[in-house]
PDB file of N, CA and C in Angstrom:
ATOM      1  N   UNK A   1      22.234  27.013 -41.600  1.00  0.00           N
ATOM      2  CA  UNK A   1      21.608  26.488 -42.793  1.00  0.00           C
ATOM      3  C   UNK A   1      21.156  25.028 -42.592  1.00  0.00           C
ATOM      4  N   UNK A   2      22.018  24.205 -42.002  1.00  0.00           N
ATOM      5  CA  UNK A   2      21.671  22.804 -41.772  1.00  0.00           C
ATOM      6  C   UNK A   2      20.534  22.684 -40.768  1.00  0.00           C
ATOM      7  N   UNK A   3      20.496  23.596 -39.790  1.00  0.00           N
ATOM      8  CA  UNK A   3      19.440  23.577 -38.795  1.00  0.00           C
ATOM      9  C   UNK A   3      18.086  23.882 -39.437  1.00  0.00           C
ATOM     10  N   UNK A   4      18.059  24.797 -40.385  1.00  0.00           N
ATOM     11  CA  UNK A   4      16.813  25.118 -41.091  1.00  0.00           C
ATOM     12  C   UNK A   4      16.347  23.932 -41.921  1.00  0.00           C
ATOM     13  N   UNK A   5      17.287  23.245 -42.539  1.00  0.00           N
ATOM     14  CA  UNK A   5      16.942  22.086 -43.352  1.00  0.00           C
ATOM     15  C   UNK A   5      16.308  20.995 -42.503  1.00  0.00           C
ATOM     16  N   UNK A   6      16.874  20.720 -41.345  1.00  0.00           N
ATOM     17  CA  UNK A   6      16.333  19.669 -40.491  1.00  0.00           C
ATOM     18  C   UNK A   6      14.967  20.038 -39.926  1.00  0.00           C
ATOM     19  N   UNK A   7      14.670  21.323 -39.838  1.00  0.00           N
ATOM     20  CA  UNK A   7      13.348  21.740 -39.385  1.00  0.00           C
ATOM     21  C   UNK A   7      12.306  21.582 -40.489  1.00  0.00           C
ATOM     22  N   UNK A   8      12.723  21.694 -41.731  1.00  0.00           N
ATOM     23  CA  UNK A   8      11.792  21.606 -42.855  1.00  0.00           C
ATOM     24  C   UNK A   8      11.553  20.176 -43.336  1.00  0.00           C
ATOM     25  N   UNK A   9      12.544  19.320 -43.178  1.00  0.00           N
ATOM     26  CA  UNK A   9      12.484  17.983 -43.736  1.00  0.00           C
ATOM     27  C   UNK A   9      12.466  16.948 -42.605  1.00  0.00           C
ATOM     28  N   UNK A  10      11.556  16.013 -42.713  1.00  0.00           N
ATOM     29  CA  UNK A  10      11.462  14.919 -41.743  1.00  0.00           C
ATOM     30  C   UNK A  10      12.340  13.766 -42.242  1.00  0.00           C
ATOM     31  N   UNK A  11      13.589  13.748 -41.799  1.00  0.00           N
ATOM     32  CA  UNK A  11      14.565  12.774 -42.274  1.00  0.00           C
ATOM     33  C   UNK A  11      14.136  11.327 -41.989  1.00  0.00           C
ATOM     34  N   UNK A  12      13.660  10.993 -40.772  1.00  0.00           N
ATOM     35  CA  UNK A  12      13.220   9.600 -40.555  1.00  0.00           C
ATOM     36  C   UNK A  12      12.090   9.186 -41.500  1.00  0.00           C
ATOM     37  N   UNK A  13      11.160  10.089 -41.780  1.00  0.00           N
ATOM     38  CA  UNK A  13      10.069   9.752 -42.703  1.00  0.00           C
ATOM     39  C   UNK A  13      10.609   9.480 -44.099  1.00  0.00           C
ATOM     40  N   UNK A  14      11.598  10.234 -44.514  1.00  0.00           N
ATOM     41  CA  UNK A  14      12.201  10.009 -45.828  1.00  0.00           C
ATOM     42  C   UNK A  14      12.883   8.648 -45.862  1.00  0.00           C
ATOM     43  N   UNK A  15      13.623   8.311 -44.814  1.00  0.00           N
ATOM     44  CA  UNK A  15      14.322   7.029 -44.779  1.00  0.00           C
ATOM     45  C   UNK A  15      13.350   5.853 -44.766  1.00  0.00           C
ATOM     46  N   UNK A  16      12.272   5.962 -43.988  1.00  0.00           N
ATOM     47  CA  UNK A  16      11.278   4.888 -43.974  1.00  0.00           C
ATOM     48  C   UNK A  16      10.533   4.810 -45.310  1.00  0.00           C
ATOM     49  N   UNK A  17      10.315   5.944 -45.950  1.00  0.00           N
ATOM     50  CA  UNK A  17       9.682   5.937 -47.270  1.00  0.00           C
ATOM     51  C   UNK A  17      10.583   5.267 -48.299  1.00  0.00           C
ATOM     52  N   UNK A  18      11.876   5.489 -48.171  1.00  0.00           N
ATOM     53  CA  UNK A  18      12.824   4.821 -49.070  1.00  0.00           C
ATOM     54  C   UNK A  18      12.727   3.308 -48.907  1.00  0.00           C
ATOM     55  N   UNK A  19      12.548   2.837 -47.674  1.00  0.00           N
ATOM     56  CA  UNK A  19      12.435   1.393 -47.436  1.00  0.00           C
ATOM     57  C   UNK A  19      11.236   0.782 -48.149  1.00  0.00           C
ATOM     58  N   UNK A  20      10.050   1.403 -48.005  1.00  0.00           N
ATOM     59  CA  UNK A  20       8.894   0.773 -48.643  1.00  0.00           C
ATOM     60  C   UNK A  20       8.948   0.895 -50.164  1.00  0.00           C
ATOM     61  N   UNK A  21       9.558   1.957 -50.662  1.00  0.00           N
ATOM     62  CA  UNK A  21       9.705   2.092 -52.115  1.00  0.00           C
ATOM     63  C   UNK A  21      10.657   1.022 -52.651  1.00  0.00           C
ATOM     64  N   UNK A  22      11.756   0.787 -51.941  1.00  0.00           N
ATOM     65  CA  UNK A  22      12.690  -0.268 -52.352  1.00  0.00           C
ATOM     66  C   UNK A  22      12.007  -1.633 -52.284  1.00  0.00           C
ATOM     67  N   UNK A  23      11.201  -1.858 -51.252  1.00  0.00           N
ATOM     68  CA  UNK A  23      10.482  -3.125 -51.137  1.00  0.00           C
ATOM     69  C   UNK A  23       9.546  -3.372 -52.314  1.00  0.00           C
ATOM     70  N   UNK A  24       8.768  -2.356 -52.679  1.00  0.00           N
ATOM     71  CA  UNK A  24       7.875  -2.504 -53.834  1.00  0.00           C
ATOM     72  C   UNK A  24       8.665  -2.674 -55.122  1.00  0.00           C
ATOM     73  N   UNK A  25       9.773  -1.962 -55.257  1.00  0.00           N
ATOM     74  CA  UNK A  25      10.606  -2.096 -56.456  1.00  0.00           C
ATOM     75  C   UNK A  25      11.177  -3.507 -56.571  1.00  0.00           C
ATOM     76  N   UNK A  26      11.588  -4.077 -55.435  1.00  0.00           N
ATOM     77  CA  UNK A  26      12.090  -5.455 -55.446  1.00  0.00           C
ATOM     78  C   UNK A  26      11.014  -6.427 -55.922  1.00  0.00           C
ATOM     79  N   UNK A  27       9.811  -6.262 -55.396  1.00  0.00           N
ATOM     80  CA  UNK A  27       8.718  -7.164 -55.761  1.00  0.00           C
ATOM     81  C   UNK A  27       8.377  -7.034 -57.247  1.00  0.00           C
ATOM     82  N   UNK A  28       8.257  -5.806 -57.723  1.00  0.00           N
ATOM     83  CA  UNK A  28       7.905  -5.601 -59.129  1.00  0.00           C
ATOM     84  C   UNK A  28       8.992  -6.101 -60.063  1.00  0.00           C
ATOM     85  N   UNK A  29      10.251  -5.877 -59.725  1.00  0.00           N
ATOM     86  CA  UNK A  29      11.327  -6.363 -60.594  1.00  0.00           C
ATOM     87  C   UNK A  29      11.395  -7.885 -60.574  1.00  0.00           C
ATOM     88  N   UNK A  30      11.170  -8.492 -59.411  1.00  0.00           N
ATOM     89  CA  UNK A  30      11.169  -9.952 -59.333  1.00  0.00           C
ATOM     90  C   UNK A  30      10.022 -10.537 -60.156  1.00  0.00           C
ATOM     91  N   UNK A  31       8.856  -9.905 -60.102  1.00  0.00           N
ATOM     92  CA  UNK A  31       7.733 -10.371 -60.926  1.00  0.00           C
ATOM     93  C   UNK A  31       8.068 -10.282 -62.405  1.00  0.00           C
ATOM     94  N   UNK A  32       8.683  -9.190 -62.802  1.00  0.00           N
ATOM     95  CA  UNK A  32       9.050  -9.007 -64.204  1.00  0.00           C
ATOM     96  C   UNK A  32      10.061 -10.067 -64.658  1.00  0.00           C
ATOM     97  N   UNK A  33      11.059 -10.308 -63.839  1.00  0.00           N
ATOM     98  CA  UNK A  33      12.076 -11.307 -64.183  1.00  0.00           C
ATOM     99  C   UNK A  33      11.462 -12.697 -64.262  1.00  0.00           C
ATOM    100  N   UNK A  34      10.586 -13.028 -63.304  1.00  0.00           N
ATOM    101  CA  UNK A  34       9.962 -14.357 -63.317  1.00  0.00           C
ATOM    102  C   UNK A  34       9.032 -14.528 -64.523  1.00  0.00           C
ATOM    103  N   UNK A  35       8.358 -13.470 -64.911  1.00  0.00           N
ATOM    104  CA  UNK A  35       7.508 -13.530 -66.101  1.00  0.00           C
ATOM    105  C   UNK A  35       8.350 -13.792 -67.344  1.00  0.00           C
ATOM    106  N   UNK A  36       9.456 -13.100 -67.450  1.00  0.00           N
ATOM    107  CA  UNK A  36      10.372 -13.296 -68.578  1.00  0.00           C
ATOM    108  C   UNK A  36      10.924 -14.723 -68.585  1.00  0.00           C
ATOM    109  N   UNK A  37      11.353 -15.212 -67.427  1.00  0.00           N
ATOM    110  CA  UNK A  37      11.881 -16.579 -67.342  1.00  0.00           C
ATOM    111  C   UNK A  37      10.823 -17.622 -67.672  1.00  0.00           C
ATOM    112  N   UNK A  38       9.593 -17.382 -67.259  1.00  0.00           N
ATOM    113  CA  UNK A  38       8.509 -18.324 -67.582  1.00  0.00           C
ATOM    114  C   UNK A  38       8.292 -18.402 -69.089  1.00  0.00           C
ATOM    115  N   UNK A  39       8.373 -17.252 -69.750  1.00  0.00           N
ATOM    116  CA  UNK A  39       8.217 -17.258 -71.208  1.00  0.00           C
ATOM    117  C   UNK A  39       9.378 -17.969 -71.885  1.00  0.00           C
ATOM    118  N   UNK A  40      10.592 -17.750 -71.398  1.00  0.00           N
ATOM    119  CA  UNK A  40      11.761 -18.407 -71.993  1.00  0.00           C
ATOM    120  C   UNK A  40      11.708 -19.917 -71.825  1.00  0.00           C
ATOM    121  N   UNK A  41      11.259 -20.372 -70.668  1.00  0.00           N
ATOM    122  CA  UNK A  41      11.252 -21.803 -70.362  1.00  0.00           C
ATOM    123  C   UNK A  41       9.945 -22.490 -70.754  1.00  0.00           C
ATOM    124  N   UNK A  42       8.997 -21.728 -71.291  1.00  0.00           N
ATOM    125  CA  UNK A  42       7.689 -22.265 -71.679  1.00  0.00           C
ATOM    126  C   UNK A  42       6.998 -23.010 -70.537  1.00  0.00           C
ATOM    127  N   UNK A  43       7.010 -22.400 -69.361  1.00  0.00           N
ATOM    128  CA  UNK A  43       6.289 -22.959 -68.229  1.00  0.00           C
ATOM    129  C   UNK A  43       5.272 -21.918 -67.766  1.00  0.00           C
ATOM    130  N   UNK A  44       4.222 -22.349 -67.086  1.00  0.00           N
ATOM    131  CA  UNK A  44       3.225 -21.387 -66.604  1.00  0.00           C
ATOM    132  C   UNK A  44       3.837 -20.397 -65.603  1.00  0.00           C
ATOM    133  N   UNK A  45       3.356 -19.185 -65.666  1.00  0.00           N
ATOM    134  CA  UNK A  45       3.842 -18.120 -64.789  1.00  0.00           C
ATOM    135  C   UNK A  45       3.639 -18.491 -63.328  1.00  0.00           C
ATOM    136  N   UNK A  46       2.517 -19.134 -63.004  1.00  0.00           N
ATOM    137  CA  UNK A  46       2.244 -19.530 -61.622  1.00  0.00           C
ATOM    138  C   UNK A  46       3.283 -20.531 -61.114  1.00  0.00           C
ATOM    139  N   UNK A  47       3.725 -21.412 -61.970  1.00  0.00           N
ATOM    140  CA  UNK A  47       4.762 -22.367 -61.571  1.00  0.00           C
ATOM    141  C   UNK A  47       6.073 -21.641 -61.302  1.00  0.00           C
ATOM    142  N   UNK A  48       6.361 -20.646 -62.099  1.00  0.00           N
ATOM    143  CA  UNK A  48       7.582 -19.864 -61.911  1.00  0.00           C
ATOM    144  C   UNK A  48       7.557 -19.121 -60.568  1.00  0.00           C
ATOM    145  N   UNK A  49       6.368 -18.663 -60.173  1.00  0.00           N
ATOM    146  CA  UNK A  49       6.244 -17.913 -58.924  1.00  0.00           C
ATOM    147  C   UNK A  49       6.377 -18.794 -57.687  1.00  0.00           C
ATOM    148  N   UNK A  50       6.290 -20.086 -57.852  1.00  0.00           N
ATOM    149  CA  UNK A  50       6.425 -21.012 -56.722  1.00  0.00           C
ATOM    150  C   UNK A  50       7.884 -21.322 -56.394  1.00  0.00           C
ATOM    151  N   UNK A  51       8.796 -20.861 -57.222  1.00  0.00           N
ATOM    152  CA  UNK A  51      10.211 -21.159 -57.003  1.00  0.00           C
ATOM    153  C   UNK A  51      10.741 -20.391 -55.799  1.00  0.00           C
ATOM    154  N   UNK A  52      11.625 -21.023 -55.026  1.00  0.00           N
ATOM    155  CA  UNK A  52      12.138 -20.384 -53.809  1.00  0.00           C
ATOM    156  C   UNK A  52      12.865 -19.061 -54.068  1.00  0.00           C
ATOM    157  N   UNK A  53      13.527 -18.942 -55.205  1.00  0.00           N
ATOM    158  CA  UNK A  53      14.258 -17.696 -55.478  1.00  0.00           C
ATOM    159  C   UNK A  53      13.311 -16.504 -55.542  1.00  0.00           C
ATOM    160  N   UNK A  54      12.134 -16.688 -56.123  1.00  0.00           N
ATOM    161  CA  UNK A  54      11.151 -15.603 -56.156  1.00  0.00           C
ATOM    162  C   UNK A  54      10.520 -15.402 -54.781  1.00  0.00           C
ATOM    163  N   UNK A  55      10.220 -16.488 -54.094  1.00  0.00           N
ATOM    164  CA  UNK A  55       9.563 -16.396 -52.797  1.00  0.00           C
ATOM    165  C   UNK A  55      10.405 -15.614 -51.788  1.00  0.00           C
ATOM    166  N   UNK A  56      11.715 -15.816 -51.819  1.00  0.00           N
ATOM    167  CA  UNK A  56      12.593 -15.079 -50.896  1.00  0.00           C
ATOM    168  C   UNK A  56      12.516 -13.585 -51.169  1.00  0.00           C
ATOM    169  N   UNK A  57      12.613 -13.210 -52.441  1.00  0.00           N
ATOM    170  CA  UNK A  57      12.554 -11.783 -52.795  1.00  0.00           C
ATOM    171  C   UNK A  57      11.190 -11.204 -52.438  1.00  0.00           C
ATOM    172  N   UNK A  58      10.135 -11.956 -52.686  1.00  0.00           N
ATOM    173  CA  UNK A  58       8.786 -11.489 -52.359  1.00  0.00           C
ATOM    174  C   UNK A  58       8.649 -11.204 -50.870  1.00  0.00           C
ATOM    175  N   UNK A  59       9.048 -12.142 -50.029  1.00  0.00           N
ATOM    176  CA  UNK A  59       8.871 -11.971 -48.583  1.00  0.00           C
ATOM    177  C   UNK A  59       9.779 -10.889 -48.012  1.00  0.00           C
ATOM    178  N   UNK A  60      11.000 -10.789 -48.526  1.00  0.00           N
ATOM    179  CA  UNK A  60      11.889  -9.717 -48.050  1.00  0.00           C
ATOM    180  C   UNK A  60      11.367  -8.359 -48.513  1.00  0.00           C
ATOM    181  N   UNK A  61      10.859  -8.294 -49.740  1.00  0.00           N
ATOM    182  CA  UNK A  61      10.261  -7.050 -50.221  1.00  0.00           C
ATOM    183  C   UNK A  61       9.064  -6.641 -49.380  1.00  0.00           C
ATOM    184  N   UNK A  62       8.216  -7.605 -49.045  1.00  0.00           N
ATOM    185  CA  UNK A  62       7.069  -7.294 -48.188  1.00  0.00           C
ATOM    186  C   UNK A  62       7.498  -6.887 -46.784  1.00  0.00           C
ATOM    187  N   UNK A  63       8.597  -7.453 -46.307  1.00  0.00           N
ATOM    188  CA  UNK A  63       9.134  -7.041 -45.002  1.00  0.00           C
ATOM    189  C   UNK A  63       9.586  -5.590 -45.050  1.00  0.00           C
ATOM    190  N   UNK A  64      10.297  -5.213 -46.108  1.00  0.00           N
ATOM    191  CA  UNK A  64      10.739  -3.823 -46.238  1.00  0.00           C
ATOM    192  C   UNK A  64       9.554  -2.861 -46.343  1.00  0.00           C
ATOM    193  N   UNK A  65       8.533  -3.264 -47.093  1.00  0.00           N
ATOM    194  CA  UNK A  65       7.328  -2.431 -47.199  1.00  0.00           C
ATOM    195  C   UNK A  65       6.686  -2.255 -45.830  1.00  0.00           C
ATOM    196  N   UNK A  66       6.580  -3.338 -45.074  1.00  0.00           N
ATOM    197  CA  UNK A  66       5.960  -3.273 -43.749  1.00  0.00           C
ATOM    198  C   UNK A  66       6.763  -2.408 -42.792  1.00  0.00           C
ATOM    199  N   UNK A  67       8.083  -2.544 -42.815  1.00  0.00           N
ATOM    200  CA  UNK A  67       8.930  -1.713 -41.952  1.00  0.00           C
ATOM    201  C   UNK A  67       8.795  -0.248 -42.335  1.00  0.00           C
ATOM    202  N   UNK A  68       8.780   0.023 -43.639  1.00  0.00           N
ATOM    203  CA  UNK A  68       8.633   1.398 -44.092  1.00  0.00           C
ATOM    204  C   UNK A  68       7.313   2.011 -43.664  1.00  0.00           C
ATOM    205  N   UNK A  69       6.238   1.264 -43.821  1.00  0.00           N
ATOM    206  CA  UNK A  69       4.924   1.785 -43.416  1.00  0.00           C
ATOM    207  C   UNK A  69       4.822   1.916 -41.899  1.00  0.00           C
ATOM    208  N   UNK A  70       5.469   1.013 -41.161  1.00  0.00           N
ATOM    209  CA  UNK A  70       5.474   1.144 -39.699  1.00  0.00           C
ATOM    210  C   UNK A  70       6.180   2.430 -39.283  1.00  0.00           C
ATOM    211  N   UNK A  71       7.223   2.777 -40.002  1.00  0.00           N
ATOM    212  CA  UNK A  71       7.985   3.968 -39.658  1.00  0.00           C
ATOM    213  C   UNK A  71       7.286   5.275 -39.962  1.00  0.00           C
ATOM    214  N   UNK A  72       6.381   5.249 -40.940  1.00  0.00           N
ATOM    215  CA  UNK A  72       5.701   6.504 -41.293  1.00  0.00           C
ATOM    216  C   UNK A  72       4.274   6.567 -40.758  1.00  0.00           C
ATOM    217  N   UNK A  73       3.857   5.539 -40.040  1.00  0.00           N
ATOM    218  CA  UNK A  73       2.513   5.547 -39.458  1.00  0.00           C
ATOM    219  C   UNK A  73       2.436   6.563 -38.329  1.00  0.00           C
ATOM    220  N   UNK A  74       1.272   7.169 -38.179  1.00  0.00           N
ATOM    221  CA  UNK A  74       1.101   8.200 -37.164  1.00  0.00           C
ATOM    222  C   UNK A  74       0.643   7.661 -35.820  1.00  0.00           C
ATOM    223  N   UNK A  75      -0.176   6.649 -35.828  1.00  0.00           N
ATOM    224  CA  UNK A  75      -0.706   6.160 -34.552  1.00  0.00           C
ATOM    225  C   UNK A  75       0.036   4.903 -34.101  1.00  0.00           C
ATOM    226  N   UNK A  76       0.026   4.684 -32.810  1.00  0.00           N
ATOM    227  CA  UNK A  76       0.748   3.562 -32.218  1.00  0.00           C
ATOM    228  C   UNK A  76       0.177   2.228 -32.686  1.00  0.00           C
ATOM    229  N   UNK A  77      -1.159   2.106 -32.790  1.00  0.00           N
ATOM    230  CA  UNK A  77      -1.740   0.829 -33.185  1.00  0.00           C
ATOM    231  C   UNK A  77      -1.376   0.481 -34.626  1.00  0.00           C
ATOM    232  N   UNK A  78      -1.244   1.475 -35.510  1.00  0.00           N
ATOM    233  CA  UNK A  78      -0.802   1.205 -36.886  1.00  0.00           C
ATOM    234  C   UNK A  78       0.637   0.702 -36.897  1.00  0.00           C
ATOM    235  N   UNK A  79       1.476   1.320 -36.084  1.00  0.00           N
ATOM    236  CA  UNK A  79       2.870   0.895 -36.003  1.00  0.00           C
ATOM    237  C   UNK A  79       2.976  -0.535 -35.498  1.00  0.00           C
ATOM    238  N   UNK A  80       2.152  -0.890 -34.535  1.00  0.00           N
ATOM    239  CA  UNK A  80       2.176  -2.250 -33.992  1.00  0.00           C
ATOM    240  C   UNK A  80       1.727  -3.261 -35.042  1.00  0.00           C
ATOM    241  N   UNK A  81       0.672  -2.948 -35.752  1.00  0.00           N
ATOM    242  CA  UNK A  81       0.178  -3.864 -36.784  1.00  0.00           C
ATOM    243  C   UNK A  81       1.208  -4.038 -37.903  1.00  0.00           C
ATOM    244  N   UNK A  82       1.813  -2.930 -38.343  1.00  0.00           N
ATOM    245  CA  UNK A  82       2.836  -3.028 -39.389  1.00  0.00           C
ATOM    246  C   UNK A  82       4.056  -3.792 -38.900  1.00  0.00           C
ATOM    247  N   UNK A  83       4.416  -3.611 -37.632  1.00  0.00           N
ATOM    248  CA  UNK A  83       5.562  -4.342 -37.083  1.00  0.00           C
ATOM    249  C   UNK A  83       5.268  -5.840 -37.006  1.00  0.00           C
ATOM    250  N   UNK A  84       4.052  -6.197 -36.621  1.00  0.00           N
ATOM    251  CA  UNK A  84       3.661  -7.613 -36.604  1.00  0.00           C
ATOM    252  C   UNK A  84       3.705  -8.194 -38.011  1.00  0.00           C
ATOM    253  N   UNK A  85       3.200  -7.437 -38.977  1.00  0.00           N
ATOM    254  CA  UNK A  85       3.231  -7.891 -40.370  1.00  0.00           C
ATOM    255  C   UNK A  85       4.670  -8.035 -40.857  1.00  0.00           C
ATOM    256  N   UNK A  86       5.546  -7.106 -40.474  1.00  0.00           N
ATOM    257  CA  UNK A  86       6.954  -7.195 -40.868  1.00  0.00           C
ATOM    258  C   UNK A  86       7.600  -8.451 -40.289  1.00  0.00           C
ATOM    259  N   UNK A  87       7.324  -8.727 -39.034  1.00  0.00           N
ATOM    260  CA  UNK A  87       7.892  -9.923 -38.404  1.00  0.00           C
ATOM    261  C   UNK A  87       7.369 -11.198 -39.063  1.00  0.00           C
ATOM    262  N   UNK A  88       6.075 -11.214 -39.389  1.00  0.00           N
ATOM    263  CA  UNK A  88       5.515 -12.426 -39.997  1.00  0.00           C
ATOM    264  C   UNK A  88       6.022 -12.634 -41.422  1.00  0.00           C
ATOM    265  N   UNK A  89       6.203 -11.560 -42.177  1.00  0.00           N
ATOM    266  CA  UNK A  89       6.720 -11.722 -43.546  1.00  0.00           C
ATOM    267  C   UNK A  89       8.190 -12.129 -43.526  1.00  0.00           C
ATOM    268  N   UNK A  90       8.942 -11.622 -42.563  1.00  0.00           N
ATOM    269  CA  UNK A  90      10.333 -12.049 -42.441  1.00  0.00           C
ATOM    270  C   UNK A  90      10.392 -13.523 -42.050  1.00  0.00           C
ATOM    271  N   UNK A  91       9.497 -13.949 -41.188  1.00  0.00           N
ATOM    272  CA  UNK A  91       9.426 -15.356 -40.801  1.00  0.00           C
ATOM    273  C   UNK A  91       9.061 -16.231 -41.999  1.00  0.00           C
ATOM    274  N   UNK A  92       8.195 -15.731 -42.886  1.00  0.00           N
ATOM    275  CA  UNK A  92       7.798 -16.482 -44.077  1.00  0.00           C
ATOM    276  C   UNK A  92       8.965 -16.686 -45.040  1.00  0.00           C
ATOM    277  N   UNK A  93       9.961 -15.808 -45.007  1.00  0.00           N
ATOM    278  CA  UNK A  93      11.110 -15.918 -45.908  1.00  0.00           C
ATOM    279  C   UNK A  93      12.036 -17.062 -45.523  1.00  0.00           C
ATOM    280  N   UNK A  94      11.897 -17.584 -44.325  1.00  0.00           N
ATOM    281  CA  UNK A  94      12.801 -18.637 -43.847  1.00  0.00           C
ATOM    282  C   UNK A  94      12.605 -19.936 -44.641  1.00  0.00           C
ATOM    283  N   UNK A  95      11.377 -20.328 -44.874  1.00  0.00           N
ATOM    284  CA  UNK A  95      11.091 -21.599 -45.556  1.00  0.00           C
ATOM    285  C   UNK A  95      11.636 -21.639 -46.986  1.00  0.00           C
ATOM    286  N   UNK A  96      11.372 -20.638 -47.836  1.00  0.00           N
ATOM    287  CA  UNK A  96      11.966 -20.695 -49.181  1.00  0.00           C
ATOM    288  C   UNK A  96      13.495 -20.622 -49.159  1.00  0.00           C
ATOM    289  N   UNK A  97      14.045 -19.898 -48.189  1.00  0.00           N
ATOM    290  CA  UNK A  97      15.500 -19.827 -48.077  1.00  0.00           C
ATOM    291  C   UNK A  97      16.064 -21.206 -47.737  1.00  0.00           C
ATOM    292  N   UNK A  98      15.400 -21.920 -46.852  1.00  0.00           N
ATOM    293  CA  UNK A  98      15.834 -23.276 -46.501  1.00  0.00           C
ATOM    294  C   UNK A  98      15.736 -24.212 -47.703  1.00  0.00           C
ATOM    295  N   UNK A  99      14.654 -24.102 -48.478  1.00  0.00           N
ATOM    296  CA  UNK A  99      14.490 -24.933 -49.672  1.00  0.00           C
ATOM    297  C   UNK A  99      15.577 -24.624 -50.702  1.00  0.00           C
ATOM    298  N   UNK A 100      15.905 -23.348 -50.842  1.00  0.00           N
ATOM    299  CA  UNK A 100      16.937 -22.953 -51.805  1.00  0.00           C
ATOM    300  C   UNK A 100      18.294 -23.497 -51.390  1.00  0.00           C
ATOM    301  N   UNK A 101      18.593 -23.467 -50.091  1.00  0.00           N
ATOM    302  CA  UNK A 101      19.869 -24.010 -49.601  1.00  0.00           C
ATOM    303  C   UNK A 101      19.925 -25.512 -49.779  1.00  0.00           C
ATOM    304  N   UNK A 102      18.817 -26.209 -49.559  1.00  0.00           N
ATOM    305  CA  UNK A 102      18.795 -27.656 -49.720  1.00  0.00           C
ATOM    306  C   UNK A 102      18.952 -28.068 -51.178  1.00  0.00           C
ATOM    307  N   UNK A 103      18.365 -27.301 -52.079  1.00  0.00           N
ATOM    308  CA  UNK A 103      18.464 -27.658 -53.502  1.00  0.00           C
ATOM    309  C   UNK A 103      19.855 -27.363 -54.068  1.00  0.00           C
ATOM    310  N   UNK A 104      20.587 -26.429 -53.466  1.00  0.00           N
ATOM    311  CA  UNK A 104      21.926 -26.111 -53.965  1.00  0.00           C
ATOM    312  C   UNK A 104      23.002 -27.025 -53.389  1.00  0.00           C
ATOM    313  N   UNK A 105      22.653 -27.774 -52.346  1.00  0.00           N
ATOM    314  CA  UNK A 105      23.636 -28.678 -51.723  1.00  0.00           C
ATOM    315  C   UNK A 105      23.642 -30.006 -52.394  1.00  0.00           C
TER     316      UNK A 105
END
């Protein structure tokens, strides 16, 4: 029975799809929270989006999306491009993380 299931279902594709879905969910929830906080604090939404706490979630979410799409891509060149994008978005998360650590110290 388990052997038939593994023949019908592409488990790695499901796992990589879960990654990009979680990445998009993180981004959308962070946008929603920042919009709510901007309204509470009476500041422009764009100013709220510049905060390091949002930037970290944005870049990590984009990294997860890129990894997920790299995993479900069919051709090698697509996988390479998605992997490069994943590495660059993860690298982008370093700067807001550093700013957040400096502001909390």
